Protein backbone atom coordinates (compact mmCIF):
# COMPACT_ATOMS: atom_id res chain seq x y z
CA MET A 1 0.07 0.12 -0.18
CA ASP A 2 1.19 3.40 -0.67
CA SER A 3 -0.36 5.58 1.33
CA LEU A 4 0.71 6.95 4.63
CA PRO A 5 -0.55 5.77 7.48
CA LEU A 6 -3.21 7.40 9.33
CA ASP A 7 -1.26 8.47 12.76
CA HIS A 8 1.57 9.59 10.34
CA PRO A 9 3.01 12.11 11.42
CA ARG A 10 2.52 14.98 8.01
CA LEU A 11 -0.97 14.23 8.66
CA LYS A 12 -1.58 15.59 12.05
CA LYS A 13 0.15 19.03 10.99
CA ASN A 14 -1.82 20.61 7.82
CA ASN A 15 -2.63 24.17 6.78
CA PHE A 16 -5.56 22.61 5.15
CA ASP A 17 -7.69 24.93 7.81
CA LEU A 18 -6.24 28.27 6.86
CA ILE A 19 -6.50 27.30 3.23
CA ARG A 20 -10.15 26.67 3.59
CA LEU A 21 -10.73 30.06 5.13
CA LEU A 22 -8.53 31.19 2.00
CA PHE A 23 -10.72 29.86 -0.44
CA ALA A 24 -14.04 31.00 1.53
CA SER A 25 -12.24 34.47 2.22
CA ILE A 26 -11.85 34.23 -1.63
CA VAL A 27 -15.47 33.48 -2.87
CA CYS A 28 -16.80 36.46 -0.56
CA LEU A 29 -14.59 39.14 -1.94
CA VAL A 30 -15.47 37.84 -5.66
CA HIS A 31 -19.67 37.94 -4.67
CA ALA A 32 -19.21 40.84 -3.42
CA TYR A 33 -18.23 42.29 -6.73
CA GLU A 34 -20.43 40.17 -8.64
CA VAL A 35 -23.67 40.23 -6.44
CA SER A 36 -23.20 44.36 -6.22
CA ASP A 37 -21.52 45.52 -9.67
CA PHE A 38 -19.44 48.40 -7.79
CA SER A 39 -16.78 49.21 -10.64
CA GLN A 40 -14.84 49.67 -7.92
CA LEU A 41 -14.40 46.44 -6.21
CA GLY A 42 -13.86 45.16 -10.54
CA THR A 43 -10.54 44.07 -9.44
CA LEU A 44 -11.46 41.65 -7.06
CA ALA A 45 -12.64 39.44 -9.58
CA GLY A 46 -10.07 40.05 -11.85
CA VAL A 47 -7.14 38.92 -9.74
CA LEU A 48 -9.25 36.41 -7.85
CA SER A 49 -11.01 33.25 -8.81
CA SER A 50 -14.15 31.81 -7.24
CA LYS A 51 -14.18 29.00 -9.27
CA VAL A 52 -10.47 28.16 -8.54
CA ALA A 53 -11.27 28.42 -5.10
CA VAL A 54 -14.48 26.26 -5.05
CA GLN A 55 -12.33 23.79 -7.03
CA GLY A 56 -9.76 23.87 -4.17
CA PHE A 57 -12.47 23.17 -1.81
CA PHE A 58 -13.16 20.05 -3.39
CA VAL A 59 -9.41 18.55 -3.38
CA VAL A 60 -9.46 19.07 0.57
CA SER A 61 -12.53 17.48 0.80
CA GLY A 62 -11.10 14.42 -1.19
CA PHE A 63 -7.84 14.71 0.04
CA LEU A 64 -9.50 14.82 3.79
CA ILE A 65 -13.08 12.74 3.47
CA VAL A 66 -11.63 9.66 2.23
CA MET A 67 -8.84 10.20 5.02
CA SER A 68 -11.71 10.29 7.28
CA TYR A 69 -13.73 7.30 6.07
CA GLU A 70 -10.47 5.14 5.77
CA ARG A 71 -10.13 5.60 9.53
CA SER A 72 -14.04 5.74 10.69
CA SER A 73 -14.57 2.44 12.87
CA SER A 74 -17.95 1.75 10.61
CA LEU A 75 -19.89 3.39 7.74
CA LYS A 76 -22.13 4.87 11.08
CA SER A 77 -19.24 6.86 12.49
CA TYR A 78 -18.54 8.08 9.33
CA ALA A 79 -22.14 9.12 8.60
CA SER A 80 -22.14 10.64 12.10
CA LYS A 81 -18.98 12.62 11.61
CA ARG A 82 -20.48 14.20 8.39
CA VAL A 83 -23.47 15.08 9.29
CA ARG A 84 -22.23 16.82 12.65
CA ARG A 85 -19.86 18.59 10.56
CA ILE A 86 -22.11 19.75 8.08
CA TYR A 87 -25.20 20.25 9.01
CA PRO A 88 -25.87 21.92 12.31
CA ALA A 89 -24.55 25.34 11.04
CA TYR A 90 -26.86 25.23 7.24
CA PHE A 91 -30.07 24.40 9.19
CA THR A 92 -28.93 27.34 11.19
CA VAL A 93 -28.23 29.30 8.20
CA VAL A 94 -31.84 27.98 6.35
CA MET A 95 -33.83 29.00 9.11
CA LEU A 96 -32.50 32.45 9.75
CA SER A 97 -33.01 33.19 6.50
CA ALA A 98 -36.45 31.16 6.32
CA VAL A 99 -37.79 33.06 9.62
CA PHE A 100 -36.19 36.48 9.76
CA LEU A 101 -36.39 37.55 5.85
CA VAL A 102 -39.68 38.58 6.34
CA LEU A 103 -38.39 41.80 8.01
CA VAL A 104 -37.19 42.89 4.45
CA SER A 105 -39.83 40.94 2.50
CA GLN A 106 -41.82 43.77 -0.19
CA LYS A 107 -44.55 40.95 0.75
CA THR A 108 -46.99 41.14 3.97
CA VAL A 109 -46.66 38.56 6.62
CA GLN A 110 -49.25 36.40 5.45
CA GLU A 111 -47.80 36.52 1.92
CA TYR A 112 -44.83 35.58 3.02
CA PHE A 113 -45.33 32.75 5.17
CA SER A 114 -46.91 31.15 1.79
CA LEU A 115 -46.58 27.77 0.20
CA ALA A 116 -43.15 29.12 -1.88
CA TRP A 117 -41.55 29.45 1.98
CA LEU A 118 -42.58 26.21 2.65
CA LYS A 119 -41.67 24.95 -0.53
CA TYR A 120 -38.08 27.11 0.07
CA LEU A 121 -37.63 25.38 3.43
CA ALA A 122 -38.13 21.98 1.87
CA ALA A 123 -35.86 22.60 -0.64
CA ASN A 124 -32.85 23.99 1.10
CA LEU A 125 -33.35 22.04 3.83
CA THR A 126 -32.67 19.02 1.87
CA PHE A 127 -30.06 20.52 0.02
CA ILE A 128 -31.87 21.00 -3.62
CA ASN A 129 -31.88 25.02 -3.18
CA PHE A 130 -32.17 25.36 -7.18
CA LEU A 131 -35.98 23.82 -7.05
CA GLN A 132 -36.40 27.57 -4.66
CA PRO A 133 -33.88 29.88 -4.50
CA SER A 134 -36.02 32.99 -3.21
CA LEU A 135 -38.21 34.55 -0.53
CA PRO A 136 -41.32 36.27 -1.31
CA GLY A 137 -40.96 39.62 -2.37
CA VAL A 138 -37.28 39.11 -0.44
CA PHE A 139 -34.03 40.97 -2.44
CA GLU A 140 -36.69 41.03 -5.45
CA ALA A 141 -34.62 44.81 -5.90
CA ASN A 142 -30.77 43.73 -5.63
CA LYS A 143 -29.77 42.44 -8.87
CA PHE A 144 -29.77 38.68 -8.01
CA PRO A 145 -32.92 37.71 -5.64
CA VAL A 146 -31.66 34.64 -4.43
CA VAL A 147 -31.10 34.73 -0.98
CA ASN A 148 -27.72 32.51 -0.65
CA GLY A 149 -26.38 31.62 -3.82
CA ALA A 150 -23.49 29.59 -2.74
CA LEU A 151 -25.35 26.98 -0.89
CA TRP A 152 -25.38 25.25 -4.72
CA THR A 153 -21.88 23.41 -3.36
CA LEU A 154 -23.32 21.84 -0.29
CA LYS A 155 -25.70 19.76 -2.34
CA VAL A 156 -22.68 18.62 -4.21
CA GLU A 157 -20.30 18.50 -1.00
CA ALA A 158 -22.94 16.07 0.42
CA MET A 159 -23.21 13.95 -2.46
CA PHE A 160 -19.39 13.52 -2.07
CA TYR A 161 -20.23 12.25 0.88
CA ILE A 162 -22.68 9.66 0.02
CA ALA A 163 -20.56 8.73 -2.74
CA VAL A 164 -16.83 7.96 -0.77
CA PRO A 165 -18.36 5.00 0.95
CA VAL A 166 -19.38 3.04 -2.58
CA VAL A 167 -16.21 4.24 -4.22
CA VAL A 168 -13.66 3.17 -1.54
CA TYR A 169 -15.57 -0.14 -1.74
CA PHE A 170 -14.23 -0.58 -5.19
CA LEU A 171 -11.20 0.49 -4.64
CA ARG A 172 -10.45 -1.99 -2.21
CA ARG A 173 -11.85 -4.65 -4.54
CA PHE A 174 -10.10 -3.24 -8.09
CA PRO A 175 -6.71 -1.97 -8.84
CA ARG A 176 -6.88 1.10 -7.19
CA LEU A 177 -4.99 3.65 -9.72
CA PRO A 178 -6.62 2.24 -12.82
CA LEU A 179 -10.30 3.24 -10.71
CA LEU A 180 -8.87 6.22 -9.66
CA ILE A 181 -7.81 7.74 -13.18
CA LEU A 182 -11.23 6.38 -14.67
CA ILE A 183 -13.55 7.94 -12.46
CA TYR A 184 -11.27 11.35 -13.25
CA LEU A 185 -11.24 10.98 -16.70
CA LEU A 186 -15.06 10.10 -17.02
CA SER A 187 -15.75 13.31 -14.81
CA ILE A 188 -13.93 15.96 -17.08
CA ALA A 189 -15.55 14.32 -20.19
CA TYR A 190 -18.92 14.65 -18.37
CA SER A 191 -18.52 18.38 -17.91
CA GLU A 192 -16.22 18.70 -21.21
CA LEU A 193 -19.31 17.07 -23.12
CA LEU A 194 -21.82 19.28 -21.51
CA LEU A 195 -19.53 22.30 -21.69
CA SER A 196 -19.66 22.19 -25.41
CA ALA A 197 -23.21 21.38 -25.44
CA TYR A 198 -23.45 24.95 -23.92
CA THR A 199 -20.98 26.46 -25.79
CA LYS A 200 -22.87 25.78 -29.12
CA THR A 201 -27.08 26.22 -28.21
CA GLY A 202 -26.05 28.99 -25.49
CA VAL A 203 -28.69 26.74 -23.44
CA GLU A 204 -27.54 27.97 -19.45
CA PHE A 205 -28.91 24.38 -17.87
CA TYR A 206 -25.99 22.74 -20.09
CA ASP A 207 -23.87 24.85 -17.95
CA ARG A 208 -25.53 24.48 -14.39
CA LEU A 209 -25.32 20.72 -15.19
CA ALA A 210 -22.00 20.90 -16.25
CA ARG A 211 -20.99 22.02 -12.64
CA GLN A 212 -22.76 19.26 -10.69
CA LEU A 213 -21.43 15.96 -9.65
CA PRO A 214 -20.28 14.19 -11.87
CA GLY A 215 -18.26 17.34 -13.39
CA GLN A 216 -16.94 18.33 -10.28
CA LEU A 217 -15.49 15.19 -9.01
CA CYS A 218 -12.27 15.21 -10.89
CA PHE A 219 -11.25 18.20 -8.49
CA PHE A 220 -12.36 15.83 -5.71
CA MET A 221 -10.67 12.15 -7.02
CA ALA A 222 -7.29 14.26 -7.59
CA GLY A 223 -7.42 14.86 -3.94
CA ALA A 224 -8.19 11.18 -2.56
CA ALA A 225 -5.78 10.28 -5.38
CA LEU A 226 -2.99 12.29 -3.69
CA PHE A 227 -4.22 11.06 0.00
CA TYR A 228 -3.56 7.35 -1.39
CA TYR A 229 -0.44 8.25 -3.57
CA LEU A 230 0.92 10.40 -0.56
CA PRO A 231 4.52 8.82 -0.58
CA ILE A 232 5.01 8.76 -3.71
CA PHE A 233 4.19 12.53 -4.56
CA GLU A 234 6.20 13.51 -2.04
CA ARG A 235 9.69 11.48 -3.13
CA ASN A 236 8.80 13.54 -6.38
CA ILE A 237 7.34 16.76 -5.42
CA LYS A 238 9.79 19.38 -6.82
CA TRP A 239 8.92 17.87 -10.15
CA CYS A 240 4.88 17.53 -8.94
CA VAL A 241 4.61 21.16 -7.78
CA THR A 242 6.67 22.54 -10.85
CA VAL A 243 4.93 21.17 -13.68
CA ALA A 244 1.42 21.88 -11.64
CA ALA A 245 2.54 25.37 -11.59
CA VAL A 246 2.98 25.17 -15.47
CA ILE A 247 -0.20 23.76 -16.05
CA LEU A 248 -2.49 26.25 -14.26
CA MET A 249 -0.44 29.22 -15.80
CA LEU A 250 -1.04 28.24 -19.06
CA ASP A 251 -4.29 26.27 -18.97
CA GLY A 252 -6.68 29.29 -20.07
CA MET A 253 -3.82 31.66 -20.93
CA LEU A 254 -1.83 29.69 -23.97
CA LEU A 255 -4.36 27.07 -25.03
CA PRO A 256 -7.07 25.57 -22.38
CA LEU A 257 -5.74 21.85 -20.71
CA PRO A 258 -8.81 20.53 -19.05
CA TRP A 259 -7.59 17.31 -18.50
CA LEU A 260 -4.55 18.40 -16.36
CA GLN A 261 -6.23 21.27 -14.80
CA PRO A 262 -7.85 19.39 -11.62
CA ALA A 263 -4.65 17.29 -11.24
CA ALA A 264 -2.28 20.61 -11.51
CA LEU A 265 -4.13 22.18 -9.01
CA ALA A 266 -4.77 19.07 -6.18
CA SER A 267 -0.82 18.99 -6.28
CA LEU A 268 -0.31 22.47 -5.44
CA VAL A 269 -3.34 22.27 -2.88
CA VAL A 270 -2.17 19.57 -1.12
CA PHE A 271 1.81 20.91 -1.20
CA PHE A 272 0.88 23.79 0.26
CA GLY A 273 -1.79 21.94 2.56
CA LEU A 274 0.90 19.33 3.78
CA PHE A 275 4.74 20.79 2.77
CA LEU A 276 4.85 24.43 3.91
CA TYR A 277 3.27 24.02 8.26
CA ALA A 278 2.41 27.49 9.26
CA GLY A 279 1.12 26.80 12.50
CA ASN A 280 -2.23 24.78 14.31
CA PHE A 281 -4.84 26.77 12.95
CA GLY A 282 -7.31 24.69 13.93
CA LYS A 283 -6.71 25.68 17.57
CA TYR A 284 -8.95 28.88 17.05
CA GLY A 285 -11.81 26.58 15.33
CA ASP A 286 -12.83 26.25 11.60
CA PHE A 287 -14.17 29.65 10.38
CA SER A 288 -14.30 28.51 6.76
CA TYR A 289 -17.32 27.06 6.96
CA GLY A 290 -19.45 30.20 8.15
CA VAL A 291 -17.63 32.77 6.35
CA TYR A 292 -18.99 30.26 3.28
CA ILE A 293 -23.08 29.42 4.40
CA LEU A 294 -22.92 33.46 5.39
CA HIS A 295 -21.63 35.93 3.28
CA PHE A 296 -24.05 35.45 0.54
CA PRO A 297 -27.19 37.03 2.41
CA ILE A 298 -25.15 39.22 4.18
CA LEU A 299 -23.90 40.94 0.77
CA GLN A 300 -27.88 40.54 -0.01
CA LEU A 301 -29.11 42.33 2.77
CA LEU A 302 -26.49 45.50 2.86
CA LEU A 303 -27.73 45.52 -0.88
CA ASN A 304 -31.14 45.55 0.34
CA THR A 305 -30.39 48.87 1.80
CA GLY A 306 -29.33 50.56 -0.94
CA TRP A 307 -26.99 53.04 1.14
CA PHE A 308 -24.16 51.60 -0.92
CA PRO A 309 -23.23 53.14 -4.25
CA GLU A 310 -22.25 55.86 -2.93
CA HIS A 311 -19.28 53.75 0.09
CA GLN A 312 -18.37 50.64 -2.34
CA TRP A 313 -15.14 50.19 -0.16
CA LEU A 314 -17.37 50.17 3.11
CA PHE A 315 -19.59 48.27 1.59
CA LEU A 316 -16.61 45.66 1.02
CA LEU A 317 -15.23 46.41 5.04
CA THR A 318 -19.38 46.31 6.29
CA THR A 319 -19.56 42.72 4.42
CA ILE A 320 -16.02 41.43 5.70
CA GLY A 321 -16.55 42.56 9.06
CA LEU A 322 -20.34 40.95 9.12
CA THR A 323 -18.98 37.71 7.38
CA ALA A 324 -16.25 36.96 10.54
CA VAL A 325 -18.47 38.59 13.11
CA GLY A 326 -21.19 35.32 12.13
CA ALA A 327 -18.25 32.95 11.57
CA PHE A 328 -16.86 33.58 14.69
CA LEU A 329 -20.70 32.79 16.66
CA MET A 330 -21.67 30.18 14.08
CA TRP A 331 -18.66 28.41 15.02
CA ASN A 332 -19.10 29.25 18.84
CA LEU A 333 -22.44 28.80 19.30
CA ILE A 334 -23.71 25.81 16.64
CA GLU A 335 -20.48 23.92 14.79
CA LYS A 336 -18.41 23.60 17.26
CA ARG A 337 -21.50 22.32 19.87
CA PHE A 338 -22.66 19.03 17.50
CA LEU A 339 -18.73 17.82 17.03
CA LEU A 340 -17.39 14.86 19.02
CA ARG A 341 -14.79 14.99 21.52
CA SER A 342 -12.21 13.57 19.61
CA SER A 343 -12.27 16.00 16.89
CA HIS A 344 -9.63 17.10 15.76
CA TYR A 345 -10.78 20.96 16.90
CA VAL A 346 -11.99 19.77 19.60
CA ALA A 347 -8.39 18.35 20.64
CA ALA A 348 -6.87 21.47 19.71
CA VAL A 349 -8.25 23.87 22.25
CA GLU A 350 -8.49 20.87 24.93
CA SER A 351 -5.97 21.05 27.90
CA PRO A 352 -2.86 18.62 27.71
CA ARG A 353 -4.96 17.09 31.20
CA ASP A 354 -7.95 16.66 29.42
CA ARG A 355 -6.68 15.07 26.33
CA LEU A 356 -4.91 12.48 28.14
CA ALA A 357 -8.71 11.23 29.39
CA VAL A 358 -9.76 10.78 25.33
CA PRO A 359 -8.03 9.07 23.12
CA GLN A 360 -6.51 11.32 20.37
CA PRO A 361 -6.97 11.31 16.56
CA ALA A 362 -4.90 12.07 13.24
CA GLY A 363 -5.21 15.80 12.96
CA LEU A 364 -7.81 15.36 10.32
CA SER A 365 -9.57 19.15 9.58
CA ALA A 366 -12.81 17.67 7.89
CA GLU A 367 -13.61 15.97 11.01
């Protein structure tokens, strides 16, 4: 077996908490421009890429979620960790939006709490928010009337969680590397086929389909492959990182490289995640999830006031401040309370005396 032991020191100390916070922050900054169309913020979208940040999230998930499954004692244990990590905060943000956005709705209270409201609640609580992304009379004057345009990736993430036990089952029974490569290539083929149809027809539905699970699986599987073959990656790290950087630089500039870009991005993400240790950032908590799921409704609420077009940088600073406070509260009041005591984050803040009483796992940022 080529993968590292699950208690290997390199897997205990990583920068994935910090990387995910950076990715979430990039998405927040780019969305600040995209939902506002404020010209002064246009540089953000020119320099940063929310698309690459989301793809980076999927790479990290592929590495950490597969590792989490491999070290779980049972399918029930794995499922419990996944639900505890993702759903409490998700449920909270959906419910807060559904209940309190009546205060900014252009509809009456009776019109707001209607069948459309129930449909929003049912669709969003079950990760199919595309069926009802808006609430009655809410944000209708904004560029986008949707409540939380960032939640679509949570559907994909949840589907990754469900797919992992099935994928690992086959990886244990068939030659691992050929199967990983096959899934990776089929994912890219699916995405390229739909993007080609979108280019030829202009039908936006094809573009939306390309961004769903099969099309994003290549990034997840690239992360999973690097987990399984981390020793090989480490032995050839200089070549891997150099080639990956060149591919990402050329992709989209000189020629499209869709078949190589996911693997290149995964190589750089894992390199910065594991080989340039920046300290135990997880001891402060994991605020990336809160930043990601809270920033969009905060942006929409600020735009709904109509006050910020003349104060565009103040709009951005207010968004950052409110999102940071919201993420801090979400972590401490909701997320942390549902984690198991064996969680990486709980272990990071407990006293040495407390740690002696509880067996500690490898430092998995996914748990």
